[in-house]
PDB file of N, CA and C in Angstrom:
ATOM      1  N   UNK A   1      96.482 100.785  44.876  1.00  0.00           N
ATOM      2  CA  UNK A   1      95.459 101.225  45.862  1.00  0.00           C
ATOM      3  C   UNK A   1      94.393 101.589  44.499  1.00  0.00           C
ATOM      4  N   UNK A   2      93.269 101.325  44.978  1.00  0.00           N
ATOM      5  CA  UNK A   2      91.885 101.140  44.172  1.00  0.00           C
ATOM      6  C   UNK A   2      91.282 102.562  44.403  1.00  0.00           C
ATOM      7  N   UNK A   3      90.632 103.337  43.342  1.00  0.00           N
ATOM      8  CA  UNK A   3      90.320 104.655  43.220  1.00  0.00           C
ATOM      9  C   UNK A   3      89.154 104.550  42.807  1.00  0.00           C
ATOM     10  N   UNK A   4      89.097 104.097  41.714  1.00  0.00           N
ATOM     11  CA  UNK A   4      87.378 103.797  41.253  1.00  0.00           C
ATOM     12  C   UNK A   4      87.395 102.541  40.420  1.00  0.00           C
ATOM     13  N   UNK A   5      86.348 101.600  40.418  1.00  0.00           N
ATOM     14  CA  UNK A   5      85.656 100.282  39.892  1.00  0.00           C
ATOM     15  C   UNK A   5      84.746 100.596  39.004  1.00  0.00           C
ATOM     16  N   UNK A   6      84.530 100.062  37.991  1.00  0.00           N
ATOM     17  CA  UNK A   6      83.596 100.237  37.087  1.00  0.00           C
ATOM     18  C   UNK A   6      83.168  98.922  36.573  1.00  0.00           C
ATOM     19  N   UNK A   7      82.239  98.105  36.688  1.00  0.00           N
ATOM     20  CA  UNK A   7      81.664  96.785  36.223  1.00  0.00           C
ATOM     21  C   UNK A   7      80.242  96.807  35.578  1.00  0.00           C
ATOM     22  N   UNK A   8      80.181  96.346  34.527  1.00  0.00           N
ATOM     23  CA  UNK A   8      78.865  95.777  33.638  1.00  0.00           C
ATOM     24  C   UNK A   8      78.887  94.459  32.954  1.00  0.00           C
ATOM     25  N   UNK A   9      77.516  94.105  32.789  1.00  0.00           N
ATOM     26  CA  UNK A   9      77.534  92.943  32.196  1.00  0.00           C
ATOM     27  C   UNK A   9      78.256  91.730  32.866  1.00  0.00           C
ATOM     28  N   UNK A  10      78.072  91.721  34.099  1.00  0.00           N
ATOM     29  CA  UNK A  10      78.571  90.762  34.912  1.00  0.00           C
ATOM     30  C   UNK A  10      77.749  89.953  35.888  1.00  0.00           C
ATOM     31  N   UNK A  11      77.259  88.963  35.720  1.00  0.00           N
ATOM     32  CA  UNK A  11      76.335  88.196  37.016  1.00  0.00           C
ATOM     33  C   UNK A  11      74.966  88.645  36.475  1.00  0.00           C
ATOM     34  N   UNK A  12      74.529  89.571  37.694  1.00  0.00           N
ATOM     35  CA  UNK A  12      73.090  90.298  37.769  1.00  0.00           C
ATOM     36  C   UNK A  12      73.503  91.638  37.275  1.00  0.00           C
ATOM     37  N   UNK A  13      74.277  92.022  37.185  1.00  0.00           N
ATOM     38  CA  UNK A  13      74.950  93.494  36.793  1.00  0.00           C
ATOM     39  C   UNK A  13      74.610  93.633  35.298  1.00  0.00           C
ATOM     40  N   UNK A  14      74.208  94.231  34.691  1.00  0.00           N
ATOM     41  CA  UNK A  14      73.890  94.576  33.557  1.00  0.00           C
ATOM     42  C   UNK A  14      74.413  96.136  32.997  1.00  0.00           C
ATOM     43  N   UNK A  15      73.867  97.018  33.453  1.00  0.00           N
ATOM     44  CA  UNK A  15      74.046  98.441  33.191  1.00  0.00           C
ATOM     45  C   UNK A  15      75.656  98.649  34.265  1.00  0.00           C
ATOM     46  N   UNK A  16      76.148  99.933  33.792  1.00  0.00           N
ATOM     47  CA  UNK A  16      77.548 100.339  34.380  1.00  0.00           C
ATOM     48  C   UNK A  16      77.377 100.459  35.719  1.00  0.00           C
ATOM     49  N   UNK A  17      78.150  99.907  36.413  1.00  0.00           N
ATOM     50  CA  UNK A  17      77.985 100.510  37.960  1.00  0.00           C
ATOM     51  C   UNK A  17      79.411 100.795  38.354  1.00  0.00           C
ATOM     52  N   UNK A  18      79.521 101.899  39.675  1.00  0.00           N
ATOM     53  CA  UNK A  18      80.889 102.471  39.649  1.00  0.00           C
ATOM     54  C   UNK A  18      81.197 103.041  41.099  1.00  0.00           C
ATOM     55  N   UNK A  19      81.996 102.331  41.317  1.00  0.00           N
ATOM     56  CA  UNK A  19      82.446 102.099  43.000  1.00  0.00           C
ATOM     57  C   UNK A  19      83.628 103.301  42.882  1.00  0.00           C
ATOM     58  N   UNK A  20      83.450 104.345  43.634  1.00  0.00           N
ATOM     59  CA  UNK A  20      84.768 105.546  43.842  1.00  0.00           C
ATOM     60  C   UNK A  20      85.200 105.720  44.935  1.00  0.00           C
ATOM     61  N   UNK A  21      86.074 105.545  45.524  1.00  0.00           N
ATOM     62  CA  UNK A  21      86.716 105.934  46.766  1.00  0.00           C
ATOM     63  C   UNK A  21      87.048 107.528  46.798  1.00  0.00           C
ATOM     64  N   UNK A  22      86.738 108.304  45.749  1.00  0.00           N
ATOM     65  CA  UNK A  22      86.697 109.757  46.117  1.00  0.00           C
ATOM     66  C   UNK A  22      86.010 110.558  46.939  1.00  0.00           C
ATOM     67  N   UNK A  23      86.253 111.196  47.696  1.00  0.00           N
ATOM     68  CA  UNK A  23      85.853 111.894  48.920  1.00  0.00           C
ATOM     69  C   UNK A  23      84.910 113.537  48.034  1.00  0.00           C
ATOM     70  N   UNK A  24      83.878 113.617  48.880  1.00  0.00           N
ATOM     71  CA  UNK A  24      83.150 114.723  48.322  1.00  0.00           C
ATOM     72  C   UNK A  24      83.799 115.989  48.609  1.00  0.00           C
ATOM     73  N   UNK A  25      83.283 117.070  48.561  1.00  0.00           N
ATOM     74  CA  UNK A  25      83.747 118.724  48.853  1.00  0.00           C
ATOM     75  C   UNK A  25      83.538 118.643  50.716  1.00  0.00           C
ATOM     76  N   UNK A  26      82.931 117.843  51.071  1.00  0.00           N
ATOM     77  CA  UNK A  26      82.735 118.223  52.537  1.00  0.00           C
ATOM     78  C   UNK A  26      84.009 117.980  53.254  1.00  0.00           C
ATOM     79  N   UNK A  27      84.579 118.737  54.044  1.00  0.00           N
ATOM     80  CA  UNK A  27      85.413 118.750  55.225  1.00  0.00           C
ATOM     81  C   UNK A  27      84.944 118.450  56.589  1.00  0.00           C
ATOM     82  N   UNK A  28      83.821 117.921  57.018  1.00  0.00           N
ATOM     83  CA  UNK A  28      83.851 117.724  57.981  1.00  0.00           C
ATOM     84  C   UNK A  28      84.574 116.300  59.182  1.00  0.00           C
ATOM     85  N   UNK A  29      84.954 115.392  58.298  1.00  0.00           N
ATOM     86  CA  UNK A  29      85.699 114.517  58.755  1.00  0.00           C
ATOM     87  C   UNK A  29      87.218 114.549  57.823  1.00  0.00           C
ATOM     88  N   UNK A  30      87.856 115.712  57.708  1.00  0.00           N
ATOM     89  CA  UNK A  30      88.822 115.582  56.991  1.00  0.00           C
ATOM     90  C   UNK A  30      90.508 114.969  57.257  1.00  0.00           C
ATOM     91  N   UNK A  31      90.354 114.944  58.646  1.00  0.00           N
ATOM     92  CA  UNK A  31      91.245 114.117  59.253  1.00  0.00           C
ATOM     93  C   UNK A  31      91.275 112.651  59.219  1.00  0.00           C
ATOM     94  N   UNK A  32      90.119 111.926  58.663  1.00  0.00           N
ATOM     95  CA  UNK A  32      90.141 110.708  58.218  1.00  0.00           C
ATOM     96  C   UNK A  32      90.398 110.499  56.765  1.00  0.00           C
ATOM     97  N   UNK A  33      90.558 111.298  55.759  1.00  0.00           N
ATOM     98  CA  UNK A  33      90.616 110.973  54.406  1.00  0.00           C
ATOM     99  C   UNK A  33      92.133 111.361  54.224  1.00  0.00           C
ATOM    100  N   UNK A  34      92.151 110.500  52.998  1.00  0.00           N
ATOM    101  CA  UNK A  34      93.880 109.982  52.468  1.00  0.00           C
ATOM    102  C   UNK A  34      94.109 110.917  51.560  1.00  0.00           C
ATOM    103  N   UNK A  35      95.069 111.503  51.184  1.00  0.00           N
ATOM    104  CA  UNK A  35      95.583 112.176  50.369  1.00  0.00           C
ATOM    105  C   UNK A  35      96.817 111.934  49.876  1.00  0.00           C
ATOM    106  N   UNK A  36      96.693 110.718  48.888  1.00  0.00           N
ATOM    107  CA  UNK A  36      97.860 109.883  48.294  1.00  0.00           C
ATOM    108  C   UNK A  36      98.835 111.500  47.150  1.00  0.00           C
ATOM    109  N   UNK A  37      98.308 111.995  47.064  1.00  0.00           N
ATOM    110  CA  UNK A  37      99.096 113.522  46.198  1.00  0.00           C
ATOM    111  C   UNK A  37      98.274 114.727  46.534  1.00  0.00           C
ATOM    112  N   UNK A  38      98.461 115.720  45.677  1.00  0.00           N
ATOM    113  CA  UNK A  38      98.297 117.009  45.895  1.00  0.00           C
ATOM    114  C   UNK A  38      96.545 117.177  45.447  1.00  0.00           C
ATOM    115  N   UNK A  39      96.163 116.231  44.403  1.00  0.00           N
ATOM    116  CA  UNK A  39      94.916 116.269  43.531  1.00  0.00           C
ATOM    117  C   UNK A  39      93.847 115.567  44.265  1.00  0.00           C
ATOM    118  N   UNK A  40      94.163 114.358  44.596  1.00  0.00           N
ATOM    119  CA  UNK A  40      93.711 113.462  45.164  1.00  0.00           C
ATOM    120  C   UNK A  40      92.987 113.542  46.790  1.00  0.00           C
ATOM    121  N   UNK A  41      91.974 113.175  46.875  1.00  0.00           N
ATOM    122  CA  UNK A  41      91.214 113.382  48.099  1.00  0.00           C
ATOM    123  C   UNK A  41      90.280 111.817  48.108  1.00  0.00           C
ATOM    124  N   UNK A  42      90.608 110.742  49.149  1.00  0.00           N
ATOM    125  CA  UNK A  42      89.766 109.217  49.033  1.00  0.00           C
ATOM    126  C   UNK A  42      89.508 109.217  50.264  1.00  0.00           C
ATOM    127  N   UNK A  43      88.385 108.047  50.107  1.00  0.00           N
ATOM    128  CA  UNK A  43      88.100 107.552  51.329  1.00  0.00           C
ATOM    129  C   UNK A  43      88.673 106.676  52.163  1.00  0.00           C
ATOM    130  N   UNK A  44      88.835 106.601  53.246  1.00  0.00           N
ATOM    131  CA  UNK A  44      89.872 105.387  53.673  1.00  0.00           C
ATOM    132  C   UNK A  44      88.757 103.673  53.718  1.00  0.00           C
ATOM    133  N   UNK A  45      87.401 104.000  53.784  1.00  0.00           N
ATOM    134  CA  UNK A  45      86.954 102.776  53.582  1.00  0.00           C
ATOM    135  C   UNK A  45      85.431 103.181  52.830  1.00  0.00           C
ATOM    136  N   UNK A  46      84.994 101.939  52.347  1.00  0.00           N
ATOM    137  CA  UNK A  46      83.401 101.863  51.538  1.00  0.00           C
ATOM    138  C   UNK A  46      82.687 101.206  52.298  1.00  0.00           C
ATOM    139  N   UNK A  47      81.205 101.272  52.210  1.00  0.00           N
ATOM    140  CA  UNK A  47      80.441 100.444  52.547  1.00  0.00           C
ATOM    141  C   UNK A  47      79.443 100.385  51.205  1.00  0.00           C
ATOM    142  N   UNK A  48      79.029  98.720  50.979  1.00  0.00           N
ATOM    143  CA  UNK A  48      78.033  98.482  49.995  1.00  0.00           C
ATOM    144  C   UNK A  48      76.791  98.019  50.854  1.00  0.00           C
ATOM    145  N   UNK A  49      75.756  98.631  50.630  1.00  0.00           N
ATOM    146  CA  UNK A  49      74.708  98.023  51.348  1.00  0.00           C
ATOM    147  C   UNK A  49      73.526  98.204  50.012  1.00  0.00           C
ATOM    148  N   UNK A  50      72.254  97.521  50.438  1.00  0.00           N
ATOM    149  CA  UNK A  50      71.199  97.320  49.807  1.00  0.00           C
ATOM    150  C   UNK A  50      70.460  96.195  50.224  1.00  0.00           C
ATOM    151  N   UNK A  51      69.055  96.425  49.370  1.00  0.00           N
ATOM    152  CA  UNK A  51      67.956  95.075  49.549  1.00  0.00           C
ATOM    153  C   UNK A  51      68.665  93.692  49.502  1.00  0.00           C
ATOM    154  N   UNK A  52      67.925  92.702  49.728  1.00  0.00           N
ATOM    155  CA  UNK A  52      68.288  91.150  49.865  1.00  0.00           C
ATOM    156  C   UNK A  52      68.494  91.430  47.832  1.00  0.00           C
ATOM    157  N   UNK A  53      69.335  90.438  47.604  1.00  0.00           N
ATOM    158  CA  UNK A  53      69.219  89.986  46.158  1.00  0.00           C
ATOM    159  C   UNK A  53      69.579  91.194  44.957  1.00  0.00           C
ATOM    160  N   UNK A  54      70.115  92.561  45.690  1.00  0.00           N
ATOM    161  CA  UNK A  54      70.162  93.553  44.984  1.00  0.00           C
ATOM    162  C   UNK A  54      71.419  93.500  44.413  1.00  0.00           C
ATOM    163  N   UNK A  55      71.979  92.567  44.395  1.00  0.00           N
ATOM    164  CA  UNK A  55      73.551  92.230  43.416  1.00  0.00           C
ATOM    165  C   UNK A  55      74.987  92.805  43.906  1.00  0.00           C
ATOM    166  N   UNK A  56      74.484  93.273  46.028  1.00  0.00           N
ATOM    167  CA  UNK A  56      76.127  93.396  46.372  1.00  0.00           C
ATOM    168  C   UNK A  56      77.181  92.504  46.266  1.00  0.00           C
ATOM    169  N   UNK A  57      76.721  90.742  46.340  1.00  0.00           N
ATOM    170  CA  UNK A  57      78.153  90.024  46.296  1.00  0.00           C
ATOM    171  C   UNK A  57      78.290  90.093  45.070  1.00  0.00           C
ATOM    172  N   UNK A  58      77.517  90.377  43.970  1.00  0.00           N
ATOM    173  CA  UNK A  58      77.991  90.215  42.399  1.00  0.00           C
ATOM    174  C   UNK A  58      78.914  91.344  42.321  1.00  0.00           C
ATOM    175  N   UNK A  59      78.634  92.363  42.716  1.00  0.00           N
ATOM    176  CA  UNK A  59      79.839  93.749  42.925  1.00  0.00           C
ATOM    177  C   UNK A  59      81.369  93.405  43.481  1.00  0.00           C
ATOM    178  N   UNK A  60      81.191  92.529  44.841  1.00  0.00           N
ATOM    179  CA  UNK A  60      82.097  92.105  45.564  1.00  0.00           C
ATOM    180  C   UNK A  60      82.964  90.842  44.165  1.00  0.00           C
ATOM    181  N   UNK A  61      82.452  90.145  43.719  1.00  0.00           N
ATOM    182  CA  UNK A  61      82.450  89.041  42.659  1.00  0.00           C
ATOM    183  C   UNK A  61      83.509  89.787  41.661  1.00  0.00           C
ATOM    184  N   UNK A  62      82.644  90.580  41.360  1.00  0.00           N
ATOM    185  CA  UNK A  62      83.462  91.358  40.087  1.00  0.00           C
ATOM    186  C   UNK A  62      84.837  92.179  40.406  1.00  0.00           C
ATOM    187  N   UNK A  63      85.144  92.538  41.564  1.00  0.00           N
ATOM    188  CA  UNK A  63      86.450  93.247  42.143  1.00  0.00           C
ATOM    189  C   UNK A  63      87.038  91.835  42.305  1.00  0.00           C
ATOM    190  N   UNK A  64      86.726  90.847  43.173  1.00  0.00           N
ATOM    191  CA  UNK A  64      87.299  89.396  43.258  1.00  0.00           C
ATOM    192  C   UNK A  64      87.936  89.039  41.699  1.00  0.00           C
ATOM    193  N   UNK A  65      87.415  88.805  40.983  1.00  0.00           N
ATOM    194  CA  UNK A  65      87.430  88.398  39.945  1.00  0.00           C
ATOM    195  C   UNK A  65      88.761  89.137  38.851  1.00  0.00           C
ATOM    196  N   UNK A  66      88.408  90.483  38.770  1.00  0.00           N
ATOM    197  CA  UNK A  66      89.328  91.702  38.189  1.00  0.00           C
ATOM    198  C   UNK A  66      90.356  91.441  38.788  1.00  0.00           C
ATOM    199  N   UNK A  67      90.789  91.214  40.269  1.00  0.00           N
ATOM    200  CA  UNK A  67      91.942  91.477  41.038  1.00  0.00           C
ATOM    201  C   UNK A  67      93.050  89.744  40.557  1.00  0.00           C
ATOM    202  N   UNK A  68      91.870  88.860  40.374  1.00  0.00           N
ATOM    203  CA  UNK A  68      92.513  87.445  40.109  1.00  0.00           C
ATOM    204  C   UNK A  68      93.054  87.384  39.073  1.00  0.00           C
ATOM    205  N   UNK A  69      92.653  87.767  37.581  1.00  0.00           N
ATOM    206  CA  UNK A  69      92.715  88.267  35.931  1.00  0.00           C
ATOM    207  C   UNK A  69      93.960  88.657  36.141  1.00  0.00           C
ATOM    208  N   UNK A  70      94.305  90.171  37.284  1.00  0.00           N
ATOM    209  CA  UNK A  70      95.108  90.882  37.119  1.00  0.00           C
ATOM    210  C   UNK A  70      96.885  89.848  37.232  1.00  0.00           C
ATOM    211  N   UNK A  71      96.521  89.155  38.100  1.00  0.00           N
ATOM    212  CA  UNK A  71      97.679  88.428  38.726  1.00  0.00           C
ATOM    213  C   UNK A  71      97.966  87.059  38.117  1.00  0.00           C
ATOM    214  N   UNK A  72      97.665  86.394  36.969  1.00  0.00           N
ATOM    215  CA  UNK A  72      97.633  85.637  36.437  1.00  0.00           C
ATOM    216  C   UNK A  72      98.645  85.311  35.326  1.00  0.00           C
TER     217      UNK A  72
END
């Protein structure tokens, strides 16, 4: 289960960028959140959006690259 992913110095991403599935303290949609244990509350989905050429595809490439390297 992916909870947090950090990438830096990959393609156009120079500084550290963090993707986190950790939920905020807001309880508005509590019934949709995941609770893998008593300490964690996670989002079931995540959206990456931004301007054209902002690096969205490079973030996905970094996640994919890391996944492939882990299974070598």
